[in-house]
Amino acid sequence: MNEENNYDPDVHILATDKIQSKLVSLMFSIEDVSKALKTKIYGGITQQECELLLTSEKKEQKIYEYILDALDTFADKIR
């Protein structure tokens, strides 16, 4: 099936909005975890677990940024 036939602008907007929302959430999470590491108040987890969480959140942020870029690049080719 041709990819151009599957493109729906309304679904594209919903998808990009969802990804942008997730990116904002990740931004706040990264900020919170960074603050916890600076203040050494880990909220019931170890410093190592907090560092692992920060690494994981940053990796997830890169993944969602990549997906958003890919969606926008695809949409630009279709338009």
PDB file of N, CA and C in Angstrom:
ATOM      1  N   MET A   1       0.848  -1.180   0.000  1.00  0.00           N
ATOM      2  CA  MET A   1       0.000   0.000   0.000  1.00  0.00           C
ATOM      3  C   MET A   1       0.891   1.239   0.000  1.00  0.00           C
ATOM      4  N   ASN A   2       0.507   2.233  -0.734  1.00  0.00           N
ATOM      5  CA  ASN A   2       1.267   3.472  -0.853  1.00  0.00           C
ATOM      6  C   ASN A   2       1.149   4.285   0.430  1.00  0.00           C
ATOM      7  N   GLU A   3       2.305   4.776   0.948  1.00  0.00           N
ATOM      8  CA  GLU A   3       2.300   5.549   2.188  1.00  0.00           C
ATOM      9  C   GLU A   3       1.477   6.829   2.069  1.00  0.00           C
ATOM     10  N   GLU A   4       1.475   7.434   0.895  1.00  0.00           N
ATOM     11  CA  GLU A   4       0.737   8.677   0.713  1.00  0.00           C
ATOM     12  C   GLU A   4      -0.757   8.483   0.947  1.00  0.00           C
ATOM     13  N   ASN A   5      -1.268   7.309   0.664  1.00  0.00           N
ATOM     14  CA  ASN A   5      -2.686   7.039   0.866  1.00  0.00           C
ATOM     15  C   ASN A   5      -3.040   6.910   2.341  1.00  0.00           C
ATOM     16  N   ASN A   6      -2.058   6.652   3.199  1.00  0.00           N
ATOM     17  CA  ASN A   6      -2.302   6.473   4.633  1.00  0.00           C
ATOM     18  C   ASN A   6      -2.195   7.762   5.420  1.00  0.00           C
ATOM     19  N   TYR A   7      -1.730   8.823   4.794  1.00  0.00           N
ATOM     20  CA  TYR A   7      -1.523  10.079   5.518  1.00  0.00           C
ATOM     21  C   TYR A   7      -2.851  10.752   5.807  1.00  0.00           C
ATOM     22  N   ASP A   8      -3.060  11.065   7.069  1.00  0.00           N
ATOM     23  CA  ASP A   8      -4.261  11.780   7.504  1.00  0.00           C
ATOM     24  C   ASP A   8      -3.801  12.988   8.314  1.00  0.00           C
ATOM     25  N   PRO A   9      -4.021  14.205   7.813  1.00  0.00           N
ATOM     26  CA  PRO A   9      -3.542  15.401   8.516  1.00  0.00           C
ATOM     27  C   PRO A   9      -4.058  15.494   9.956  1.00  0.00           C
ATOM     28  N   ASP A  10      -5.285  15.073  10.182  1.00  0.00           N
ATOM     29  CA  ASP A  10      -5.845  15.137  11.540  1.00  0.00           C
ATOM     30  C   ASP A  10      -5.102  14.194  12.489  1.00  0.00           C
ATOM     31  N   VAL A  11      -4.789  12.998  12.015  1.00  0.00           N
ATOM     32  CA  VAL A  11      -4.045  12.042  12.833  1.00  0.00           C
ATOM     33  C   VAL A  11      -2.619  12.546  13.049  1.00  0.00           C
ATOM     34  N   HIS A  12      -2.054  13.165  12.023  1.00  0.00           N
ATOM     35  CA  HIS A  12      -0.707  13.732  12.154  1.00  0.00           C
ATOM     36  C   HIS A  12      -0.674  14.790  13.259  1.00  0.00           C
ATOM     37  N   ILE A  13      -1.643  15.658  13.289  1.00  0.00           N
ATOM     38  CA  ILE A  13      -1.712  16.703  14.321  1.00  0.00           C
ATOM     39  C   ILE A  13      -1.853  16.074  15.700  1.00  0.00           C
ATOM     40  N   LEU A  14      -2.727  15.082  15.824  1.00  0.00           N
ATOM     41  CA  LEU A  14      -2.899  14.397  17.113  1.00  0.00           C
ATOM     42  C   LEU A  14      -1.601  13.719  17.553  1.00  0.00           C
ATOM     43  N   ALA A  15      -0.932  13.073  16.615  1.00  0.00           N
ATOM     44  CA  ALA A  15       0.309  12.366  16.933  1.00  0.00           C
ATOM     45  C   ALA A  15       1.395  13.349  17.371  1.00  0.00           C
ATOM     46  N   THR A  16       1.546  14.437  16.637  1.00  0.00           N
ATOM     47  CA  THR A  16       2.584  15.406  17.015  1.00  0.00           C
ATOM     48  C   THR A  16       2.244  16.086  18.341  1.00  0.00           C
ATOM     49  N   ASP A  17       0.970  16.359  18.570  1.00  0.00           N
ATOM     50  CA  ASP A  17       0.568  16.938  19.857  1.00  0.00           C
ATOM     51  C   ASP A  17       0.882  15.994  21.008  1.00  0.00           C
ATOM     52  N   LYS A  18       0.625  14.710  20.804  1.00  0.00           N
ATOM     53  CA  LYS A  18       0.894  13.714  21.849  1.00  0.00           C
ATOM     54  C   LYS A  18       2.391  13.627  22.132  1.00  0.00           C
ATOM     55  N   ILE A  19       3.192  13.640  21.090  1.00  0.00           N
ATOM     56  CA  ILE A  19       4.638  13.565  21.272  1.00  0.00           C
ATOM     57  C   ILE A  19       5.153  14.832  21.954  1.00  0.00           C
ATOM     58  N   GLN A  20       4.656  15.986  21.553  1.00  0.00           N
ATOM     59  CA  GLN A  20       5.082  17.232  22.191  1.00  0.00           C
ATOM     60  C   GLN A  20       4.699  17.252  23.665  1.00  0.00           C
ATOM     61  N   SER A  21       3.537  16.726  23.984  1.00  0.00           N
ATOM     62  CA  SER A  21       3.115  16.638  25.379  1.00  0.00           C
ATOM     63  C   SER A  21       4.063  15.733  26.172  1.00  0.00           C
ATOM     64  N   LYS A  22       4.430  14.616  25.582  1.00  0.00           N
ATOM     65  CA  LYS A  22       5.365  13.697  26.239  1.00  0.00           C
ATOM     66  C   LYS A  22       6.725  14.357  26.420  1.00  0.00           C
ATOM     67  N   LEU A  23       7.173  15.136  25.437  1.00  0.00           N
ATOM     68  CA  LEU A  23       8.448  15.823  25.541  1.00  0.00           C
ATOM     69  C   LEU A  23       8.438  16.851  26.677  1.00  0.00           C
ATOM     70  N   VAL A  24       7.333  17.549  26.849  1.00  0.00           N
ATOM     71  CA  VAL A  24       7.222  18.507  27.956  1.00  0.00           C
ATOM     72  C   VAL A  24       7.278  17.765  29.287  1.00  0.00           C
ATOM     73  N   SER A  25       6.571  16.653  29.371  1.00  0.00           N
ATOM     74  CA  SER A  25       6.584  15.840  30.585  1.00  0.00           C
ATOM     75  C   SER A  25       8.003  15.350  30.897  1.00  0.00           C
ATOM     76  N   LEU A  26       8.708  14.903  29.879  1.00  0.00           N
ATOM     77  CA  LEU A  26      10.080  14.444  30.067  1.00  0.00           C
ATOM     78  C   LEU A  26      10.987  15.593  30.508  1.00  0.00           C
ATOM     79  N   MET A  27      10.764  16.775  29.952  1.00  0.00           N
ATOM     80  CA  MET A  27      11.561  17.933  30.323  1.00  0.00           C
ATOM     81  C   MET A  27      11.437  18.212  31.822  1.00  0.00           C
ATOM     82  N   PHE A  28      10.199  18.176  32.333  1.00  0.00           N
ATOM     83  CA  PHE A  28       9.979  18.394  33.765  1.00  0.00           C
ATOM     84  C   PHE A  28      10.587  17.276  34.601  1.00  0.00           C
ATOM     85  N   SER A  29      10.469  16.051  34.126  1.00  0.00           N
ATOM     86  CA  SER A  29      11.027  14.911  34.844  1.00  0.00           C
ATOM     87  C   SER A  29      12.546  15.012  34.918  1.00  0.00           C
ATOM     88  N   ILE A  30      13.173  15.365  33.802  1.00  0.00           N
ATOM     89  CA  ILE A  30      14.629  15.526  33.774  1.00  0.00           C
ATOM     90  C   ILE A  30      15.057  16.634  34.732  1.00  0.00           C
ATOM     91  N   GLU A  31      14.303  17.708  34.735  1.00  0.00           N
ATOM     92  CA  GLU A  31      14.597  18.817  35.647  1.00  0.00           C
ATOM     93  C   GLU A  31      14.483  18.368  37.106  1.00  0.00           C
ATOM     94  N   ASP A  32      13.431  17.623  37.418  1.00  0.00           N
ATOM     95  CA  ASP A  32      13.221  17.145  38.790  1.00  0.00           C
ATOM     96  C   ASP A  32      14.330  16.193  39.239  1.00  0.00           C
ATOM     97  N   VAL A  33      14.700  15.270  38.370  1.00  0.00           N
ATOM     98  CA  VAL A  33      15.736  14.300  38.720  1.00  0.00           C
ATOM     99  C   VAL A  33      17.094  14.996  38.857  1.00  0.00           C
ATOM    100  N   SER A  34      17.366  15.942  37.980  1.00  0.00           N
ATOM    101  CA  SER A  34      18.613  16.709  38.076  1.00  0.00           C
ATOM    102  C   SER A  34      18.675  17.464  39.395  1.00  0.00           C
ATOM    103  N   LYS A  35      17.550  18.040  39.781  1.00  0.00           N
ATOM    104  CA  LYS A  35      17.487  18.775  41.052  1.00  0.00           C
ATOM    105  C   LYS A  35      17.714  17.816  42.227  1.00  0.00           C
ATOM    106  N   ALA A  36      17.132  16.640  42.153  1.00  0.00           N
ATOM    107  CA  ALA A  36      17.311  15.643  43.216  1.00  0.00           C
ATOM    108  C   ALA A  36      18.779  15.252  43.340  1.00  0.00           C
ATOM    109  N   LEU A  37      19.450  15.106  42.219  1.00  0.00           N
ATOM    110  CA  LEU A  37      20.871  14.750  42.267  1.00  0.00           C
ATOM    111  C   LEU A  37      21.710  15.881  42.849  1.00  0.00           C
ATOM    112  N   LYS A  38      21.360  17.115  42.525  1.00  0.00           N
ATOM    113  CA  LYS A  38      22.111  18.262  43.053  1.00  0.00           C
ATOM    114  C   LYS A  38      21.908  18.428  44.557  1.00  0.00           C
ATOM    115  N   THR A  39      20.672  18.219  45.014  1.00  0.00           N
ATOM    116  CA  THR A  39      20.360  18.410  46.433  1.00  0.00           C
ATOM    117  C   THR A  39      20.598  17.154  47.263  1.00  0.00           C
ATOM    118  N   LYS A  40      20.844  16.041  46.585  1.00  0.00           N
ATOM    119  CA  LYS A  40      21.059  14.738  47.223  1.00  0.00           C
ATOM    120  C   LYS A  40      19.845  14.292  48.041  1.00  0.00           C
ATOM    121  N   ILE A  41      18.665  14.691  47.567  1.00  0.00           N
ATOM    122  CA  ILE A  41      17.399  14.230  48.150  1.00  0.00           C
ATOM    123  C   ILE A  41      16.734  13.369  47.070  1.00  0.00           C
ATOM    124  N   TYR A  42      16.830  12.056  47.223  1.00  0.00           N
ATOM    125  CA  TYR A  42      16.449  11.135  46.162  1.00  0.00           C
ATOM    126  C   TYR A  42      15.031  10.585  46.266  1.00  0.00           C
ATOM    127  N   GLY A  43      14.322  10.898  47.321  1.00  0.00           N
ATOM    128  CA  GLY A  43      12.929  10.476  47.428  1.00  0.00           C
ATOM    129  C   GLY A  43      12.716   8.984  47.510  1.00  0.00           C
ATOM    130  N   GLY A  44      13.502   8.303  48.302  1.00  0.00           N
ATOM    131  CA  GLY A  44      13.265   6.876  48.516  1.00  0.00           C
ATOM    132  C   GLY A  44      14.003   5.955  47.573  1.00  0.00           C
ATOM    133  N   ILE A  45      14.814   6.490  46.681  1.00  0.00           N
ATOM    134  CA  ILE A  45      15.633   5.647  45.808  1.00  0.00           C
ATOM    135  C   ILE A  45      17.104   6.015  46.050  1.00  0.00           C
ATOM    136  N   THR A  46      17.986   5.161  45.570  1.00  0.00           N
ATOM    137  CA  THR A  46      19.409   5.420  45.764  1.00  0.00           C
ATOM    138  C   THR A  46      19.909   6.438  44.734  1.00  0.00           C
ATOM    139  N   GLN A  47      21.099   6.951  44.993  1.00  0.00           N
ATOM    140  CA  GLN A  47      21.704   7.891  44.051  1.00  0.00           C
ATOM    141  C   GLN A  47      21.918   7.210  42.697  1.00  0.00           C
ATOM    142  N   GLN A  48      22.355   5.961  42.709  1.00  0.00           N
ATOM    143  CA  GLN A  48      22.580   5.225  41.469  1.00  0.00           C
ATOM    144  C   GLN A  48      21.286   5.058  40.686  1.00  0.00           C
ATOM    145  N   GLU A  49      20.199   4.769  41.388  1.00  0.00           N
ATOM    146  CA  GLU A  49      18.903   4.630  40.713  1.00  0.00           C
ATOM    147  C   GLU A  49      18.456   5.971  40.138  1.00  0.00           C
ATOM    148  N   CYS A  50      18.734   7.035  40.853  1.00  0.00           N
ATOM    149  CA  CYS A  50      18.381   8.377  40.385  1.00  0.00           C
ATOM    150  C   CYS A  50      19.181   8.723  39.119  1.00  0.00           C
ATOM    151  N   GLU A  51      20.463   8.371  39.118  1.00  0.00           N
ATOM    152  CA  GLU A  51      21.303   8.601  37.941  1.00  0.00           C
ATOM    153  C   GLU A  51      20.831   7.773  36.756  1.00  0.00           C
ATOM    154  N   LEU A  52      20.444   6.533  37.023  1.00  0.00           N
ATOM    155  CA  LEU A  52      19.909   5.670  35.974  1.00  0.00           C
ATOM    156  C   LEU A  52      18.610   6.249  35.410  1.00  0.00           C
ATOM    157  N   LEU A  53      17.764   6.763  36.282  1.00  0.00           N
ATOM    158  CA  LEU A  53      16.511   7.386  35.848  1.00  0.00           C
ATOM    159  C   LEU A  53      16.789   8.587  34.962  1.00  0.00           C
ATOM    160  N   LEU A  54      17.762   9.404  35.324  1.00  0.00           N
ATOM    161  CA  LEU A  54      18.105  10.573  34.518  1.00  0.00           C
ATOM    162  C   LEU A  54      18.603  10.156  33.140  1.00  0.00           C
ATOM    163  N   THR A  55      19.472   9.163  33.105  1.00  0.00           N
ATOM    164  CA  THR A  55      19.979   8.652  31.826  1.00  0.00           C
ATOM    165  C   THR A  55      18.844   8.121  30.960  1.00  0.00           C
ATOM    166  N   SER A  56      17.941   7.393  31.575  1.00  0.00           N
ATOM    167  CA  SER A  56      16.803   6.811  30.861  1.00  0.00           C
ATOM    168  C   SER A  56      15.871   7.886  30.310  1.00  0.00           C
ATOM    169  N   GLU A  57      15.584   8.896  31.116  1.00  0.00           N
ATOM    170  CA  GLU A  57      14.690   9.971  30.686  1.00  0.00           C
ATOM    171  C   GLU A  57      15.304  10.768  29.534  1.00  0.00           C
ATOM    172  N   LYS A  58      16.622  11.006  29.593  1.00  0.00           N
ATOM    173  CA  LYS A  58      17.287  11.730  28.511  1.00  0.00           C
ATOM    174  C   LYS A  58      17.282  10.916  27.219  1.00  0.00           C
ATOM    175  N   LYS A  59      17.458   9.598  27.346  1.00  0.00           N
ATOM    176  CA  LYS A  59      17.422   8.729  26.173  1.00  0.00           C
ATOM    177  C   LYS A  59      16.020   8.720  25.567  1.00  0.00           C
ATOM    178  N   GLU A  60      15.019   8.636  26.423  1.00  0.00           N
ATOM    179  CA  GLU A  60      13.637   8.651  25.952  1.00  0.00           C
ATOM    180  C   GLU A  60      13.319   9.982  25.262  1.00  0.00           C
ATOM    181  N   GLN A  61      13.844  11.080  25.796  1.00  0.00           N
ATOM    182  CA  GLN A  61      13.636  12.389  25.185  1.00  0.00           C
ATOM    183  C   GLN A  61      14.213  12.407  23.765  1.00  0.00           C
ATOM    184  N   LYS A  62      15.403  11.857  23.571  1.00  0.00           N
ATOM    185  CA  LYS A  62      16.011  11.807  22.238  1.00  0.00           C
ATOM    186  C   LYS A  62      15.162  10.975  21.284  1.00  0.00           C
ATOM    187  N   ILE A  63      14.610   9.884  21.789  1.00  0.00           N
ATOM    188  CA  ILE A  63      13.773   9.022  20.952  1.00  0.00           C
ATOM    189  C   ILE A  63      12.529   9.765  20.489  1.00  0.00           C
ATOM    190  N   TYR A  64      11.851  10.436  21.415  1.00  0.00           N
ATOM    191  CA  TYR A  64      10.635  11.175  21.041  1.00  0.00           C
ATOM    192  C   TYR A  64      10.948  12.351  20.122  1.00  0.00           C
ATOM    193  N   GLU A  65      12.088  13.000  20.310  1.00  0.00           N
ATOM    194  CA  GLU A  65      12.489  14.074  19.393  1.00  0.00           C
ATOM    195  C   GLU A  65      12.725  13.517  17.994  1.00  0.00           C
ATOM    196  N   TYR A  66      13.337  12.339  17.918  1.00  0.00           N
ATOM    197  CA  TYR A  66      13.575  11.687  16.635  1.00  0.00           C
ATOM    198  C   TYR A  66      12.250  11.346  15.938  1.00  0.00           C
ATOM    199  N   ILE A  67      11.322  10.797  16.701  1.00  0.00           N
ATOM    200  CA  ILE A  67      10.011  10.442  16.132  1.00  0.00           C
ATOM    201  C   ILE A  67       9.297  11.686  15.628  1.00  0.00           C
ATOM    202  N   LEU A  68       9.333  12.758  16.406  1.00  0.00           N
ATOM    203  CA  LEU A  68       8.684  14.004  15.996  1.00  0.00           C
ATOM    204  C   LEU A  68       9.303  14.533  14.706  1.00  0.00           C
ATOM    205  N   ASP A  69      10.633  14.527  14.628  1.00  0.00           N
ATOM    206  CA  ASP A  69      11.310  14.977  13.408  1.00  0.00           C
ATOM    207  C   ASP A  69      10.935  14.101  12.214  1.00  0.00           C
ATOM    208  N   ALA A  70      10.870  12.795  12.437  1.00  0.00           N
ATOM    209  CA  ALA A  70      10.521  11.876  11.350  1.00  0.00           C
ATOM    210  C   ALA A  70       9.088  12.115  10.864  1.00  0.00           C
ATOM    211  N   LEU A  71       8.182  12.340  11.790  1.00  0.00           N
ATOM    212  CA  LEU A  71       6.794  12.625  11.403  1.00  0.00           C
ATOM    213  C   LEU A  71       6.696  13.914  10.595  1.00  0.00           C
ATOM    214  N   ASP A  72       7.408  14.936  11.051  1.00  0.00           N
ATOM    215  CA  ASP A  72       7.364  16.213  10.344  1.00  0.00           C
ATOM    216  C   ASP A  72       8.018  16.117   8.974  1.00  0.00           C
ATOM    217  N   THR A  73       9.121  15.382   8.880  1.00  0.00           N
ATOM    218  CA  THR A  73       9.776  15.189   7.581  1.00  0.00           C
ATOM    219  C   THR A  73       8.866  14.444   6.629  1.00  0.00           C
ATOM    220  N   PHE A  74       8.198  13.408   7.123  1.00  0.00           N
ATOM    221  CA  PHE A  74       7.259  12.646   6.304  1.00  0.00           C
ATOM    222  C   PHE A  74       6.111  13.535   5.826  1.00  0.00           C
ATOM    223  N   ALA A  75       5.563  14.334   6.743  1.00  0.00           N
ATOM    224  CA  ALA A  75       4.442  15.205   6.401  1.00  0.00           C
ATOM    225  C   ALA A  75       4.875  16.246   5.364  1.00  0.00           C
ATOM    226  N   ASP A  76       6.088  16.756   5.496  1.00  0.00           N
ATOM    227  CA  ASP A  76       6.577  17.748   4.531  1.00  0.00           C
ATOM    228  C   ASP A  76       6.695  17.168   3.133  1.00  0.00           C
ATOM    229  N   LYS A  77       7.066  15.894   3.040  1.00  0.00           N
ATOM    230  CA  LYS A  77       7.182  15.234   1.731  1.00  0.00           C
ATOM    231  C   LYS A  77       5.820  15.017   1.099  1.00  0.00           C
ATOM    232  N   ILE A  78       4.808  14.785   1.912  1.00  0.00           N
ATOM    233  CA  ILE A  78       3.459  14.494   1.405  1.00  0.00           C
ATOM    234  C   ILE A  78       2.771  15.786   0.942  1.00  0.00           C
ATOM    235  N   ARG A  79       2.991  16.857   1.671  1.00  0.00           N
ATOM    236  CA  ARG A  79       2.300  18.111   1.368  1.00  0.00           C
ATOM    237  C   ARG A  79       2.731  18.701   0.070  1.00  0.00           C
TER     238      ARG A  79
END
